[in-house]
Protein backbone atom coordinates (compact mmCIF):
# COMPACT_ATOMS: atom_id res chain seq x y z
CA MET A 1 -0.04 0.06 0.19
CA ALA A 2 1.55 3.32 -1.10
CA ARG A 3 -0.01 6.50 -0.79
CA ILE A 4 -0.47 8.13 -4.01
CA LEU A 5 -1.04 12.23 -4.33
CA VAL A 6 -2.86 13.14 -7.71
CA ILE A 7 -2.35 16.26 -8.84
CA ASP A 8 -5.00 17.48 -11.72
CA GLU A 9 -7.40 20.68 -12.24
CA ASP A 10 -10.05 17.70 -13.88
CA ALA A 11 -12.52 17.20 -10.69
CA LEU A 12 -13.99 14.18 -12.63
CA LEU A 13 -9.96 12.80 -13.83
CA ARG A 14 -9.08 12.92 -10.06
CA ALA A 15 -11.91 11.03 -8.45
CA ASN A 16 -11.67 8.22 -10.79
CA LEU A 17 -7.75 7.76 -9.57
CA HIS A 18 -8.86 7.84 -6.46
CA ARG A 19 -11.67 4.87 -6.69
CA LEU A 20 -9.85 2.75 -9.36
CA LEU A 21 -5.82 3.43 -6.62
CA ALA A 22 -8.12 3.37 -3.54
CA LEU A 23 -9.33 -0.31 -5.08
CA GLU A 24 -5.71 -1.40 -5.39
CA GLY A 25 -5.51 -0.57 -1.62
CA HIS A 26 -3.61 2.92 -1.90
CA VAL A 27 -4.41 5.77 0.50
CA VAL A 28 -4.98 8.40 -2.15
CA VAL A 29 -4.61 12.26 -1.43
CA GLU A 30 -6.31 14.97 -3.89
CA ALA A 31 -4.74 18.23 -5.15
CA GLN A 32 -7.09 20.51 -7.26
CA GLY A 33 -3.82 22.27 -9.03
CA GLY A 34 -0.17 22.59 -8.96
CA LEU A 35 -0.18 24.94 -6.31
CA ASP A 36 -2.45 23.11 -4.11
CA GLY A 37 -0.60 19.81 -5.09
CA VAL A 38 3.01 21.16 -3.84
CA GLU A 39 1.38 22.45 -0.02
CA ARG A 40 0.63 18.77 0.14
CA ALA A 41 3.42 16.90 -0.86
CA TYR A 42 5.34 19.16 1.35
CA GLU A 43 3.16 18.91 4.27
CA HIS A 44 2.47 14.97 4.23
CA PRO A 45 5.17 13.58 1.23
CA PRO A 46 4.02 10.57 -0.68
CA ASP A 47 5.45 8.03 -2.18
CA LEU A 48 3.97 8.86 -5.48
CA VAL A 49 2.74 11.52 -7.06
CA LEU A 50 0.40 11.70 -10.01
CA CYS A 51 0.80 14.61 -11.90
CA ASP A 52 -0.95 16.38 -15.07
CA LEU A 53 1.64 18.50 -17.19
CA VAL A 54 -0.94 21.26 -18.14
CA MET A 55 -2.87 22.85 -15.43
CA PRO A 56 -3.26 26.86 -15.36
CA ASP A 57 -2.27 27.36 -11.39
CA LEU A 58 1.34 25.73 -11.40
CA ASP A 59 2.28 23.74 -14.32
CA GLY A 60 3.63 20.09 -13.99
CA LEU A 61 7.20 21.07 -15.08
CA ALA A 62 6.85 23.80 -12.30
CA VAL A 63 5.43 20.84 -9.78
CA MET A 64 7.75 18.46 -10.88
CA ARG A 65 11.19 21.06 -10.40
CA LEU A 66 10.00 22.90 -6.68
CA LEU A 67 9.51 18.81 -5.42
CA ARG A 68 12.75 17.46 -6.99
CA ALA A 69 14.53 21.17 -5.28
CA ASP A 70 13.02 20.02 -1.74
CA PRO A 71 15.09 17.58 0.47
CA ARG A 72 11.35 16.55 1.74
CA THR A 73 10.15 15.61 -1.84
CA SER A 74 12.99 15.50 -4.07
CA ARG A 75 13.01 11.20 -4.00
CA VAL A 76 9.25 11.10 -4.89
CA PRO A 77 8.44 9.45 -7.34
CA ILE A 78 6.82 11.18 -10.45
CA VAL A 79 4.80 9.97 -12.91
CA VAL A 80 3.38 12.31 -15.47
CA VAL A 81 -0.88 12.24 -16.72
CA THR A 82 -0.83 14.65 -19.43
CA GLY A 83 -2.85 14.08 -22.73
CA SER A 84 0.64 15.98 -24.47
CA VAL A 85 1.92 14.03 -26.92
CA LEU A 86 5.56 13.27 -25.59
CA PRO A 87 8.78 13.31 -27.83
CA PRO A 88 9.71 10.03 -28.23
CA ALA A 89 12.90 8.00 -27.67
CA GLY A 90 15.82 9.92 -27.90
CA VAL A 91 14.26 13.51 -28.67
CA ALA A 92 14.79 15.81 -25.58
CA ARG A 93 12.42 15.70 -23.09
CA PRO A 94 10.95 18.16 -20.42
CA PRO A 95 14.70 19.46 -18.35
CA ILE A 96 13.21 17.75 -15.10
CA ALA A 97 12.60 14.07 -16.00
CA ALA A 98 9.80 12.43 -15.20
CA ASP A 99 9.42 8.69 -13.25
CA GLY A 100 6.79 7.66 -15.83
CA TYR A 101 4.41 9.06 -18.14
CA VAL A 102 0.95 7.88 -19.19
CA THR A 103 -1.25 9.46 -21.97
CA LYS A 104 -4.59 10.53 -21.59
CA PRO A 105 -6.63 9.14 -22.55
CA PHE A 106 -4.82 5.81 -21.06
CA ASP A 107 -6.13 2.19 -21.05
CA ILE A 108 -6.37 1.57 -16.95
CA ALA A 109 -4.00 -1.43 -16.74
CA GLN A 110 -1.74 0.69 -18.38
CA LEU A 111 -2.00 3.10 -15.41
CA LEU A 112 -1.44 0.57 -12.78
CA ALA A 113 1.11 -0.78 -14.65
CA VAL A 114 3.40 2.16 -14.74
CA VAL A 115 2.16 2.96 -10.56
CA SER A 116 3.51 -0.24 -9.66
CA GLU A 117 6.80 -0.28 -11.88
CA VAL A 118 7.31 3.06 -10.16
CA LEU A 119 6.56 2.07 -7.04
CA ALA A 120 8.48 -0.99 -7.10
CA ARG A 121 12.29 0.82 -8.34
CA ARG A 122 11.44 3.55 -5.64
CA ALA A 123 14.48 4.57 -3.39
CA PRO A 124 13.71 4.16 -0.41
CA ARG A 125 13.79 6.99 2.13
């Protein structure tokens, strides 16, 4: 069981991810945007962050930059859940690398596989 922070401005998507991950035995915390997510991560560092890239208040790259820069959250794995097309392997990626990527719309099995894989390889805190 892991504590997973879901950061996305879409309330329906957050609720669906919450239900899905809770059924898998995880404790899920929701954040309605980047600023809210960073604050929640600092207060109680999660075991994993699922974060959208495009958000109005603070985008996913800024969230990753802030979480990676803070000692409380620097080792927390981040999985980007995005509708953006990500560059293929070998092409320049964002300056802050995520631990995993899932493109919307996503297959539930694919999302759960990425979450399981990232949690299995996370560094102990």
